[in-house]
Each structure stands twice: as structure tokens, then as C-alpha cells.
Protein backbone atom coordinates (compact mmCIF):
# COMPACT_ATOMS: atom_id res chain seq x y z
CA MET A 1 90.87 100.76 126.43
CA ARG A 2 92.60 99.15 129.43
CA THR A 3 91.85 95.49 130.02
CA ASP A 4 91.69 94.37 133.64
CA PRO A 5 94.65 91.95 133.96
CA ARG A 6 92.48 89.53 135.92
CA GLN A 7 90.66 88.82 132.65
CA LEU A 8 93.90 87.62 131.07
CA ASP A 9 94.65 84.68 133.36
CA GLY A 10 95.37 81.56 131.32
CA LYS A 11 95.07 83.33 127.96
CA ARG A 12 97.48 82.62 125.11
CA PHE A 13 98.94 85.23 122.79
CA ASP A 14 101.11 85.02 119.72
CA LEU A 15 102.98 88.09 120.95
CA VAL A 16 103.38 89.70 124.37
CA ILE A 17 105.15 93.05 124.45
CA ILE A 18 106.74 94.27 127.66
CA GLY A 19 106.95 98.07 127.82
CA GLY A 20 104.45 100.77 126.89
CA GLY A 21 106.78 103.39 125.46
CA ILE A 22 106.85 104.45 121.82
CA GLN A 23 108.62 101.30 120.61
CA GLY A 24 106.35 98.86 122.43
CA ALA A 25 103.23 100.77 121.39
CA ALA A 26 104.30 100.86 117.74
CA ILE A 27 105.14 97.14 117.71
CA ALA A 28 101.75 96.36 119.23
CA ARG A 29 100.06 98.46 116.56
CA GLU A 30 102.01 96.79 113.75
CA ALA A 31 101.30 93.27 115.02
CA ALA A 32 97.60 93.93 115.69
CA CYS A 33 97.17 95.38 112.20
CA ARG A 34 98.38 92.00 110.91
CA ARG A 35 95.81 90.16 113.07
CA ILE A 36 98.47 88.71 115.33
CA ALA A 37 97.05 88.02 118.81
CA THR A 38 98.90 90.71 120.78
CA LEU A 39 99.15 91.80 124.40
CA LEU A 40 100.91 95.04 125.42
CA VAL A 41 101.69 95.45 129.12
CA GLU A 42 103.23 98.40 130.94
CA LYS A 43 104.30 98.37 134.59
CA THR A 44 103.13 101.90 135.38
CA ASP A 45 101.66 104.08 132.64
CA PHE A 46 102.09 104.44 128.92
CA ALA A 47 104.90 106.89 128.03
CA VAL A 48 105.82 107.34 131.69
CA GLY A 49 109.56 107.21 130.99
CA THR A 50 111.74 108.02 128.00
CA SER A 51 108.80 108.42 125.63
CA SER A 52 107.55 111.51 127.46
CA ARG A 53 111.04 112.89 128.18
CA SER A 54 112.56 113.35 124.73
CA SER A 55 113.54 116.48 122.80
CA ARG A 56 110.11 116.22 121.12
CA LEU A 57 111.59 116.37 117.66
CA VAL A 58 110.69 114.25 114.65
CA HIS A 59 113.90 114.59 112.70
CA GLY A 60 116.61 112.84 110.75
CA GLY A 61 119.35 114.15 113.01
CA LEU A 62 122.08 116.33 111.55
CA ARG A 63 124.45 114.90 114.16
CA TYR A 64 123.84 111.35 112.89
CA LEU A 65 124.53 112.53 109.34
CA GLN A 66 127.77 114.07 110.60
CA GLN A 67 128.65 110.67 112.10
CA GLY A 68 128.05 108.91 108.78
CA ASN A 69 124.80 107.13 109.73
CA ILE A 70 123.28 107.88 106.33
CA ALA A 71 120.81 104.97 106.24
CA LEU A 72 119.39 105.94 109.64
CA VAL A 73 119.01 109.59 108.63
CA LYS A 74 117.33 108.68 105.34
CA GLU A 75 114.85 106.36 107.06
CA ALA A 76 114.11 108.95 109.73
CA LEU A 77 113.48 111.68 107.17
CA HIS A 78 111.08 109.47 105.24
CA GLU A 79 109.28 108.55 108.46
CA ARG A 80 109.13 112.25 109.33
CA GLU A 81 107.27 112.88 106.08
CA ARG A 82 104.90 110.00 106.79
CA LEU A 83 104.07 111.32 110.25
CA LEU A 84 103.45 114.82 108.92
CA ARG A 85 100.84 113.26 106.65
CA LEU A 86 99.30 110.65 108.97
CA ALA A 87 99.37 112.59 112.27
CA PRO A 88 99.32 116.30 111.33
CA HIS A 89 97.78 117.26 114.68
CA LEU A 90 100.70 115.65 116.52
CA VAL A 91 103.63 116.39 114.21
CA ARG A 92 104.13 119.86 112.73
CA PRO A 93 106.77 121.36 110.41
CA LEU A 94 109.49 123.27 112.21
CA PRO A 95 111.81 125.88 110.67
CA VAL A 96 115.24 125.47 112.27
CA LEU A 97 117.91 128.17 112.41
CA LEU A 98 121.54 127.04 112.58
CA PRO A 99 123.55 130.15 113.58
CA PHE A 100 127.31 130.52 113.25
CA PHE A 101 129.56 132.12 115.86
CA PRO A 102 133.37 132.22 115.84
CA ASP A 103 133.46 130.44 119.22
CA SER A 104 131.14 127.60 118.13
CA GLY A 105 132.14 124.11 117.11
CA GLY A 106 130.42 124.01 113.73
CA SER A 107 131.79 124.70 110.24
CA ARG A 108 129.73 126.98 107.97
CA LEU A 109 130.77 125.11 104.84
CA LEU A 110 130.19 121.63 106.28
CA SER A 111 126.86 122.72 107.76
CA TRP A 112 125.72 124.08 104.41
CA ILE A 113 126.71 120.84 102.70
CA GLY A 114 125.06 118.88 105.52
CA VAL A 115 121.65 120.57 105.33
CA HIS A 116 121.60 120.12 101.56
CA ALA A 117 122.45 116.43 101.95
CA TYR A 118 119.72 116.28 104.59
CA SER A 119 117.21 117.80 102.16
CA TRP A 120 118.31 115.47 99.37
CA LEU A 121 117.99 112.36 101.56
CA ALA A 122 114.43 113.38 102.44
CA GLY A 123 113.42 112.72 98.84
CA ARG A 124 110.04 114.09 97.78
CA SER A 125 109.54 116.05 100.95
CA THR A 126 106.93 118.75 101.50
CA MET A 127 109.52 120.70 103.47
CA PRO A 128 111.07 123.83 101.93
CA SER A 129 114.69 123.72 100.82
CA PRO A 130 117.42 125.12 103.10
CA ARG A 131 118.64 128.66 102.60
CA ARG A 132 121.44 130.90 103.79
CA MET A 133 120.62 133.88 105.99
CA SER A 134 122.58 136.99 106.86
CA ALA A 135 123.08 137.93 110.50
CA ARG A 136 120.33 140.54 110.18
CA GLU A 137 117.90 138.01 108.68
CA ALA A 138 118.74 135.49 111.39
CA ILE A 139 118.04 138.01 114.17
CA ALA A 140 114.71 138.92 112.53
CA ALA A 141 113.78 135.23 112.28
CA PHE A 142 114.67 134.52 115.92
CA PRO A 143 114.47 137.62 118.14
CA GLY A 144 116.73 137.22 121.14
CA LEU A 145 119.44 135.40 119.22
CA ARG A 146 122.88 136.45 120.39
CA THR A 147 124.20 139.17 118.09
CA ASN A 148 127.79 139.38 119.30
CA GLY A 149 129.94 137.62 116.74
CA LEU A 150 126.99 136.29 114.72
CA ARG A 151 128.21 135.45 111.21
CA GLY A 152 124.95 134.49 109.60
CA ALA A 153 122.94 131.30 109.67
CA VAL A 154 121.41 128.47 107.68
CA GLN A 155 117.70 127.72 107.85
CA TYR A 156 116.40 124.20 107.24
CA TYR A 157 113.27 122.28 108.24
CA ASP A 158 112.44 119.43 110.60
CA ALA A 159 109.37 118.67 112.70
CA ALA A 160 108.21 118.89 116.31
CA THR A 161 105.81 116.68 118.24
CA SER A 162 104.25 115.90 121.61
CA ASP A 163 106.01 112.64 122.45
CA ALA A 164 103.56 111.41 125.10
CA ARG A 165 100.56 112.06 122.85
CA LEU A 166 102.28 110.35 119.91
CA THR A 167 102.95 107.30 122.08
CA LEU A 168 99.38 107.19 123.31
CA ALA A 169 98.09 107.50 119.73
CA ASN A 170 100.03 104.34 118.88
CA VAL A 171 98.58 102.54 121.90
CA ARG A 172 95.07 103.55 120.83
CA ALA A 173 95.72 102.45 117.24
CA ALA A 174 97.02 99.10 118.52
CA HIS A 175 93.91 98.62 120.65
CA ALA A 176 91.60 99.64 117.79
CA ALA A 177 93.28 97.02 115.59
CA GLY A 178 92.65 94.29 118.18
CA ALA A 179 95.57 94.37 120.62
CA VAL A 180 94.89 93.88 124.32
CA VAL A 181 96.56 96.64 126.35
CA ALA A 182 97.06 96.99 130.10
CA ASN A 183 98.93 99.68 131.98
CA GLY A 184 99.56 99.14 135.67
CA CYS A 185 100.53 95.56 134.80
CA GLU A 186 104.00 94.41 135.86
CA LEU A 187 106.04 91.44 134.63
CA LEU A 188 107.19 89.33 137.59
CA GLY A 189 108.92 86.56 135.64
CA ALA A 190 107.88 83.17 134.28
CA ASN A 191 106.48 80.15 136.08
CA ALA A 192 107.59 76.51 135.79
CA ASN A 193 105.28 76.00 132.81
CA GLY A 194 106.84 78.89 130.90
CA ALA A 195 103.88 81.22 131.35
CA LEU A 196 104.54 84.89 132.02
CA ARG A 197 103.59 86.01 135.51
CA LEU A 198 101.91 89.43 135.59
CA LEU A 199 100.89 91.56 138.56
CA ASP A 200 97.93 93.95 138.51
CA ALA A 201 99.19 97.06 140.31
CA PHE A 202 95.69 98.09 141.37
CA THR A 203 94.21 94.85 142.71
CA GLY A 204 97.37 92.94 143.62
CA ALA A 205 96.14 89.99 141.54
CA GLU A 206 98.75 87.77 139.91
CA VAL A 207 97.88 86.16 136.59
CA ALA A 208 99.69 83.98 134.06
CA VAL A 209 99.62 84.33 130.27
CA HIS A 210 101.22 82.19 127.62
CA ALA A 211 103.22 83.72 124.78
CA THR A 212 104.69 82.23 121.62
CA HIS A 213 106.93 85.26 121.32
CA VAL A 214 107.89 87.98 123.80
CA VAL A 215 109.21 91.35 122.68
CA ASN A 216 111.18 93.14 125.36
CA ALA A 217 110.58 96.84 124.66
CA ALA A 218 111.47 98.03 128.15
CA GLY A 219 114.12 100.44 126.85
CA PRO A 220 116.50 101.41 129.66
CA ARG A 221 115.25 98.46 131.73
CA ALA A 222 115.53 95.86 128.98
CA ASP A 223 118.26 93.97 130.84
CA ALA A 224 116.16 93.91 134.01
CA VAL A 225 113.42 92.19 132.00
CA ARG A 226 115.94 89.70 130.65
CA ARG A 227 117.01 88.86 134.19
CA LEU A 228 113.39 88.35 135.24
CA LEU A 229 113.13 85.75 132.47
CA GLY A 230 116.22 83.87 133.60
CA LEU A 231 118.94 85.37 131.41
CA ASP A 232 122.17 86.35 133.17
CA SER A 233 124.44 87.00 130.18
CA ALA A 234 126.13 90.33 129.49
CA ASP A 235 123.95 93.42 129.32
CA LEU A 236 122.66 94.45 125.92
CA VAL A 237 121.83 98.03 126.87
CA ARG A 238 123.55 100.99 128.48
CA THR A 239 121.84 104.27 129.21
CA SER A 240 122.63 107.93 128.83
CA ARG A 241 120.87 110.82 130.56
CA GLY A 242 119.19 113.63 128.64
CA THR A 243 117.99 116.71 130.55
CA HIS A 244 115.71 119.43 129.19
CA LEU A 245 114.53 122.79 130.52
CA ILE A 246 111.26 124.55 129.68
CA LEU A 247 111.07 128.34 129.35
CA ASP A 248 108.05 130.55 128.70
CA ALA A 249 106.38 130.22 125.32
CA ARG A 250 107.74 132.56 122.67
CA LYS A 251 106.20 134.03 119.52
CA GLY A 252 106.94 132.40 116.22
CA GLU A 253 107.67 128.88 115.03
CA THR A 254 111.40 129.16 114.34
CA SER A 255 113.68 127.04 116.51
CA LEU A 256 117.43 127.03 117.07
CA ALA A 257 119.93 124.24 116.57
CA ALA A 258 123.27 125.73 117.57
CA PHE A 259 126.72 124.22 117.80
CA LEU A 260 128.44 124.80 121.14
CA PRO A 261 132.19 125.08 121.70
CA ASP A 262 132.17 121.41 122.82
CA LYS A 263 130.77 120.56 119.33
CA ARG A 264 127.42 119.36 120.69
CA ILE A 265 124.22 120.70 119.14
CA GLN A 266 121.71 122.35 121.46
CA PHE A 267 118.07 123.00 120.60
CA VAL A 268 115.64 125.76 121.49
CA VAL A 269 112.23 124.59 120.27
CA PRO A 270 109.11 126.74 120.62
CA HIS A 271 105.88 124.97 121.49
CA GLN A 272 102.55 126.70 122.02
CA ASP A 273 102.70 126.15 125.78
CA GLY A 274 106.43 126.54 126.45
CA THR A 275 109.88 126.63 124.89
CA LEU A 276 111.90 123.42 125.15
CA THR A 277 115.68 123.60 125.46
CA GLY A 278 118.24 120.82 125.64
CA THR A 279 119.79 118.35 125.80
CA THR A 280 122.61 116.59 127.65
CA ASP A 281 124.06 113.17 126.80
CA VAL A 282 125.81 111.68 129.85
CA TYR A 283 126.18 108.01 130.71
CA GLU A 284 124.16 107.03 133.77
CA ASP A 285 122.97 103.62 134.99
CA ALA A 286 119.20 103.16 134.98
CA THR A 287 117.54 102.57 138.34
CA GLU A 288 114.06 101.58 139.47
CA GLU A 289 113.03 105.25 139.68
CA GLU A 290 112.98 107.50 136.64
CA PRO A 291 115.92 109.98 136.51
CA THR A 292 115.81 113.52 137.85
CA PRO A 293 117.73 116.51 136.39
CA PRO A 294 121.02 116.99 138.27
CA GLN A 295 122.31 120.47 138.98
CA ASP A 296 125.34 119.91 136.72
CA ASP A 297 123.02 119.36 133.76
CA VAL A 298 120.95 122.42 134.61
CA ARG A 299 124.09 124.58 134.77
CA TYR A 300 125.34 123.14 131.47
CA LEU A 301 122.04 123.96 129.74
CA LEU A 302 121.92 127.48 131.14
CA ASP A 303 125.49 128.02 129.92
CA ALA A 304 124.42 126.70 126.51
CA LEU A 305 121.52 129.16 126.44
CA ALA A 306 123.92 131.98 127.32
CA HIS A 307 126.01 130.99 124.29
CA MET A 308 122.96 131.19 122.00
CA LEU A 309 120.70 133.90 123.41
CA ASP A 310 120.92 137.50 124.55
CA PRO A 311 119.77 138.26 127.16
CA ALA A 312 120.70 134.89 128.56
CA PRO A 313 117.92 133.06 130.47
CA THR A 314 118.58 132.44 134.14
CA MET A 315 117.20 129.99 136.65
CA ARG A 316 114.33 132.40 137.30
CA ASP A 317 113.18 131.89 133.70
CA VAL A 318 112.93 128.10 133.95
CA ARG A 319 109.32 126.96 134.28
CA PHE A 320 109.71 123.19 134.16
CA ALA A 321 112.33 120.52 133.56
CA TYR A 322 112.62 116.82 132.95
CA CYS A 323 115.21 114.15 132.43
CA GLY A 324 115.06 110.84 130.58
CA TRP A 325 117.28 107.88 129.78
CA ARG A 326 118.22 106.91 126.27
CA SER A 327 118.55 103.21 125.60
CA LEU A 328 121.84 102.64 123.77
CA PRO A 329 123.71 99.50 122.70
CA ALA A 330 126.17 98.36 125.34
CA GLN A 331 129.22 99.60 123.44
CA LYS A 332 132.26 101.61 124.40
CA GLY A 333 132.66 105.21 123.33
CA PRO A 334 131.09 108.63 123.97
CA ALA A 335 127.32 108.50 124.43
CA GLY A 336 126.74 111.03 121.67
CA ALA A 337 128.67 108.91 119.16
CA ILE A 338 126.75 105.63 119.67
CA ASN A 339 124.61 104.63 116.69
CA ARG A 340 120.90 105.17 117.41
CA GLU A 341 119.70 102.61 114.86
CA ALA A 342 117.52 100.05 116.65
CA PHE A 343 117.98 96.30 116.34
CA LEU A 344 116.56 93.11 117.82
CA VAL A 345 118.37 90.41 119.82
CA GLN A 346 116.73 86.97 120.01
CA GLU A 347 117.33 84.65 122.97
CA ALA A 348 115.62 81.62 124.51
CA SER A 349 114.10 82.42 127.91
CA ARG A 350 111.83 80.91 130.53
CA GLY A 351 108.90 82.72 128.96
CA GLY A 352 109.55 81.55 125.40
CA ALA A 353 111.36 83.15 122.48
CA LEU A 354 112.53 86.54 123.75
CA HIS A 355 113.28 89.38 121.35
CA THR A 356 114.93 92.40 122.97
CA ALA A 357 114.76 95.78 121.27
CA VAL A 358 118.02 97.74 121.61
CA GLY A 359 118.40 101.42 120.76
CA GLY A 360 115.96 103.36 118.63
CA LYS A 361 114.68 106.84 117.93
CA LEU A 362 111.27 108.39 118.45
CA THR A 363 111.14 109.32 114.76
CA THR A 364 111.67 105.79 113.42
CA HIS A 365 109.29 103.95 115.77
CA ARG A 366 106.93 102.81 113.00
CA ALA A 367 109.65 101.60 110.64
CA PHE A 368 111.37 99.69 113.43
CA ALA A 369 108.06 98.11 114.48
CA GLU A 370 107.51 96.99 110.89
CA ARG A 371 110.93 95.29 110.85
CA VAL A 372 110.40 93.68 114.27
CA VAL A 373 107.11 92.04 113.34
CA ALA A 374 108.49 90.95 109.96
CA GLN A 375 111.56 89.42 111.62
CA VAL A 376 109.76 87.71 114.49
CA PHE A 377 106.98 86.20 112.37
CA GLY A 378 108.87 85.72 109.10
CA ILE A 379 106.60 87.90 106.97
CA ASP A 380 107.09 90.60 104.36
CA GLY A 381 106.78 93.95 106.13
CA ARG A 382 106.52 96.06 103.00
CA ASP A 383 102.73 95.76 102.71
CA SER A 384 102.10 97.15 106.20
CA ARG A 385 98.87 99.09 106.79
CA THR A 386 100.75 101.42 109.09
CA ARG A 387 102.50 102.96 106.08
CA THR A 388 99.28 104.63 104.96
CA GLU A 389 96.77 104.45 107.83
CA PRO A 390 96.45 107.65 109.91
CA LEU A 391 96.94 107.55 113.64
CA PRO A 392 93.80 108.38 115.67
CA GLY A 393 92.78 111.94 114.85
CA GLY A 394 95.06 112.07 111.81
CA GLY A 395 92.37 111.69 109.18
CA GLY A 396 89.73 114.12 108.03
CA ALA A 397 89.91 117.86 107.45
CA ARG A 398 92.65 119.91 109.06
CA GLU A 399 91.39 122.67 111.36
CA PRO A 400 94.52 124.56 112.46
CA LEU A 401 92.49 127.47 113.85
CA ASP A 402 90.78 125.14 116.33
CA PRO A 403 92.92 124.65 119.49
CA LEU A 404 91.14 121.35 120.16
CA TRP A 405 92.23 120.05 116.75
CA TRP A 406 95.89 120.43 117.73
CA ARG A 407 95.29 118.15 120.71
CA HIS A 408 92.84 115.67 119.18
CA GLY A 409 92.82 116.13 115.42
CA SER A 410 89.71 115.00 113.60
CA GLU A 411 88.32 113.56 116.85
CA ALA A 412 87.72 117.10 118.18
CA SER A 413 84.06 117.10 117.13
CA ALA A 414 83.45 113.71 118.77
CA ILE A 415 85.02 114.97 121.99
CA ARG A 416 82.78 118.02 121.94
CA ALA A 417 79.81 115.72 121.41
CA MET A 418 80.87 113.78 124.52
CA ALA A 419 80.00 116.93 126.48
CA ASN A 420 76.32 116.66 125.55
CA GLY A 421 74.18 116.35 128.65
CA THR A 422 76.97 117.32 131.05
CA ALA A 423 76.67 120.88 132.31
CA GLY A 424 79.89 122.89 131.99
CA ALA A 425 81.78 120.13 130.17
CA LEU A 426 82.96 122.54 127.48
CA GLN A 427 84.38 124.94 130.07
CA PRO A 428 88.10 124.98 131.00
CA ILE A 429 89.11 122.95 134.02
CA CYS A 430 91.05 125.99 135.23
CA PRO A 431 92.03 129.43 133.90
CA HIS A 432 95.76 128.62 133.76
CA ARG A 433 95.74 125.72 131.28
CA PRO A 434 93.80 125.30 128.02
CA PHE A 435 92.16 121.95 128.78
CA LEU A 436 88.37 121.58 128.81
CA ARG A 437 86.51 119.48 131.33
CA VAL A 438 85.39 117.18 128.53
CA GLU A 439 89.06 116.45 127.74
CA ALA A 440 89.48 115.04 131.23
CA MET A 441 86.33 112.97 130.65
CA HIS A 442 87.80 111.69 127.39
CA ALA A 443 91.13 110.88 129.06
CA MET A 444 89.41 108.78 131.71
CA ARG A 445 86.92 107.04 129.41
CA VAL A 446 89.05 106.50 126.30
CA LEU A 447 92.75 107.05 127.02
CA ALA A 448 93.22 104.61 129.91
CA ALA A 449 94.16 107.19 132.54
CA SER A 450 94.08 105.16 135.75
CA THR A 451 95.62 107.42 138.41
CA PHE A 452 95.33 111.12 139.09
CA SER A 453 98.97 111.57 138.00
CA ASP A 454 98.23 109.71 134.74
CA LEU A 455 95.51 112.26 134.03
CA MET A 456 97.44 115.38 134.99
CA LEU A 457 100.89 114.55 133.60
CA ARG A 458 100.38 112.20 130.63
CA ARG A 459 96.88 112.94 129.30
CA LEU A 460 96.39 116.66 129.88
CA VAL A 461 99.91 117.26 128.58
CA HIS A 462 101.29 120.77 129.02
CA ALA A 463 104.95 121.73 128.48
CA GLN A 464 105.02 123.55 131.84
CA GLY A 465 103.35 120.70 133.69
CA PRO A 466 99.98 120.65 135.48
CA CYS A 467 98.56 123.72 137.15
CA MET A 468 99.18 123.29 140.88
CA GLU A 469 96.80 125.99 142.15
CA PRO A 470 94.63 124.50 144.92
CA GLN A 471 91.26 125.30 143.38
CA CYS A 472 92.40 124.01 139.99
CA LEU A 473 93.65 120.74 141.45
CA ARG A 474 90.38 120.37 143.31
CA ALA A 475 88.37 120.84 140.10
CA ALA A 476 90.52 118.29 138.26
CA HIS A 477 90.31 115.79 141.12
CA ASP A 478 86.53 116.09 141.25
CA LEU A 479 86.41 115.22 137.56
CA PHE A 480 88.80 112.33 138.15
CA LEU A 481 86.62 110.89 140.91
CA ARG A 482 83.51 111.14 138.76
CA GLU A 483 85.08 109.42 135.76
CA ARG A 484 87.58 106.91 137.19
CA ARG A 485 87.20 103.24 136.37
CA ILE A 486 89.49 101.98 139.15
CA ASP A 487 89.17 102.72 142.85
CA VAL A 488 92.42 104.65 143.33
CA ASP A 489 93.45 108.14 144.49
CA SER A 490 90.17 108.72 146.34
CA ASP A 491 91.67 111.09 148.88
CA PHE A 492 92.42 114.55 147.50
CA ASP A 493 95.33 115.23 149.86
CA ALA A 494 97.03 111.91 149.14
CA ALA A 495 96.45 112.14 145.38
CA THR A 496 97.84 115.67 145.09
CA SER A 497 100.76 114.77 147.34
CA LYS A 498 101.70 111.88 145.01
CA LEU A 499 101.38 114.18 142.03
CA GLY A 500 103.60 116.77 143.76
CA GLU A 501 106.21 114.13 144.58
CA GLU A 502 106.30 112.97 140.96
CA ILE A 503 106.66 116.54 139.69
CA GLU A 504 109.40 117.28 142.20
CA ARG A 505 111.38 114.27 141.02
CA LEU A 506 110.60 114.92 137.36
CA THR A 507 111.88 118.50 137.57
CA GLY A 508 114.72 118.01 140.03
CA GLY A 509 113.01 120.39 142.44
CA ILE A 510 112.67 123.20 139.90
CA VAL A 511 108.95 122.88 140.58
CA PRO A 512 109.26 121.91 144.25
CA ARG A 513 106.77 119.75 146.05
CA ALA A 514 106.22 122.60 148.48
CA ARG A 515 104.46 124.54 145.74
CA SER A 516 101.80 121.85 145.51
CA GLU A 517 101.35 121.55 149.25
CA VAL A 518 99.37 124.80 149.37
CA ALA A 519 96.58 122.65 147.99
CA ARG A 520 96.37 120.94 151.33
């Protein structure tokens, strides 16, 4: 799937997209489906930043409804329904329990009105209607819910996803429709002729490509891209920090969305491989490195869990953590109150017409991409193929009893067939994670995994991170060496050390680098 950037030198594209997160991937898919000559470039790896560090919810957002952003909520709920239909292996229905405590910030009456408005805005949804629950029913639905002071609950429905896999599915769909995609390809600026200068991270080669239009989908680093292209006007974007903790997996599908005394909503979302909790919303300036969870955020989230759960989880119960930046409009006001509706800002730059994406939600990536391409190229977006065309793996029969289907959808049989002729390919890589050896083969051959960390963190995606047992890392690295397309991470010690460093930063030391050093 990855094109060697050296093959791009001197090429001309109608559209070059900078940034391989969910927004850039979706825009590339939308444009390629309309036969627009499209190039998508990403400095490091697809979904390396915000798009693998979200709350992993596909939802309208009760908080946005509370803030009066009705159009955004309605669009998100309709996109939620579309994703449930077109990517059922990646997006699943999620029953959500909204409990009420006397020391919480939420109103029972307003919440009841809100979830009904939410259901009404969803239109012809396949989701069940909301219902009231007694305290006893709520405790039965979510064992471990705090009982002290519990005054009942409301149950409504949303959806959960794997954000990194959803992003990668959009990249694959873009490529299948004709887009050229390259991770490990950094924008350096523009030359005197207006061509974009790109750097291949693996060979050090610098190439130049010509673009009629450039979409800046760099999210938190959108203003850094603008500066590279000669713009020094006021920033368009400010960033807030969102931290999440991962606990052990729990039985059942029901999640929590509970109001805290500070009136924020906190989530506890069960996934098959771990329970996600979060999030924070604190202004923080983006830097070159991705953010790491600060201790203040960790304490805040543990306090939030103590408000919701009994017994309260402690630091010993935390298995993984991560932190990401949200890209918000550069406006004044509390981070949680800034409108999440995405928009496009057009400017003239050294590299041609520059269109910067500001804001946005994971849930509305497709709809925003449709508007972007329509706006940039002056076309009617309402006939888009992406409204009805499944994402890779989203077509065909549903096989919910097959674990491989939940990771690959209708492509599960093709992945099993890839194992033909390779001894042991259908065996697990290690006993501590569910992934088969053939899934690593597929990641390297099809999913553009370039580095060992790409493979372990963003292709073999597990809520609690990669297994760091020495023998398991060795088995995975052997597979990586056999399947790699680029001569990188040859040395086991160096490759596992880089992986350990990335995990240490990703988790804020909750999974310390020292734990991976036993491999060496």
C-alpha cells in the first residue's frame, strides 16, 4: 500500500493531503472515490497521534447537545448509524448507563429529556430507545457501580470503535480507490517553483511534488504546517489534552457515562481486551513529541472512578494509559465548551491553495471529508460513494462468533488463506495476546507497517498495548524481519528499545521502559 516517496519526484496531483489521521485519511478516500488525483502523506505513521488516542466512541455527544450544538449532534448520530452499517466489525452498538448520585453535576429531568432528544435526532436508528432504570436495575446492568446514594439511572445507546483500525480502514479505502499514500514522508516546505518538498524518513531522499490544492489535515500541528508553507498569521488551532486509563477487561457490554461534581461526563467503556476510562480536557500547547499522561490527569481520573465505582480502582489496577491532543479552533473559553464542528480555512501559500482543517470529531470524519472535497473542487457532495460503500471488511456476512471477524470483518477468510504454505501461520504470535502470526504477515504486506513499533502498536492493536515478554517480542520481531519491505529495525535490541521508549512516553511511565528491557 505504501508508495516509496522516491517514485513521486516531479509528479503532479490535484490534491495533496498532509496528515494521516482520521480526517486526512477520510478526505483522501472521498477525493479518490471521485477520481481526483490524490496523494496522502504522513510524517510518521498513520493514526500515530490523536486518531489512536481518542475515547474510542462513535457518538453524537450528549455534552454537545447540552451546549446547544444540535446540528453537530444530528450529523454525528446519522454518521454513527452509517458506520454501524458499513463497518460493523469496527463499530459496535454500546448500551450506556447514565447513573444519578446526589453529589453529581447532572439533572435527572434534563438528562431524561436529553437522551430522548438524542434518540429523536438519530432518526431511523437501529438503536433501542432510552429507558429509565431503578437503582437495583442499574447495579445489575453494571456490577461494581457505586451503590451509595444511587438514585437510579437512564440507559441509552451509542457505539464504540477501535480508532486506529478505523483510521487505517479509511487509508486502505483511499488507496483502493486510487489515492497514493506514503507514511514516513515528511513535509519540509515548498521550493521556489511552488512544489512541495517531501522527505522520505527511511532513505533520507528529498523529492518535490506539485499540487493544485493542499489540504492541511495535521490536526494539532496544523499551524506548524502553515508556517512551513510561508504563512505567519495568527494561529488557527489550539489544543487540549485528553488522558485515558485502561483497566482489565470486564464482563458485559454496558458502559458508564457519569456526571461528576465538576459537571464533566466521564466514561467507562468495556472493550474485549480492556476497559477504557476517561477523559480530561485541559489546554496544552502541542509540541514535536506526542503528549504523555501527566500525574495530575491520572489522579483526576482515579478520583473520577472512585466517584462512579465501588470498590474504587487504584493505580495497581491500571494496565495501560495514553494521552492525545484535540485540535480545537483558536477561541477563548473552556476547552470543554469549544464547538467541535470542523471547518476549512483557505489561504494562499507557497505550495498553492492551502485548505486547513480545524476541529472535528472521529464520528463525523466521513461527512466532513465529503464537505471538504465538495468545497475545494466545487462539486455536489451529496452523491458521494462513501455514503453507501462499506469500508474494507465491512461487506459480506457478519460472523460475530469468529474473533478474526471482529478484527478484519469479511476479509477474515482471505487472511486465513494468506497462511497457506506457511507453517504455523495460523498459530498465535504469543499466548498473551490474541493475534495470529498471519495477522502480522497481513500487517506488513497489506497495511503499510514500516517499523517494528508500527506493527506492535498500530496494527496489532490491543487496549493494553503489546505483550512485552522477551520470548513474545522475539517471535514478533522474527516475523517482522521476514516480512518487512524496508530495511529498518534490523537489530532486536534496538527495535525493542525504541518500542519500549514509545510505550513509556505513551503511558506516562505506567508501563515503564524497564519492563521491556528484560527482553535484552
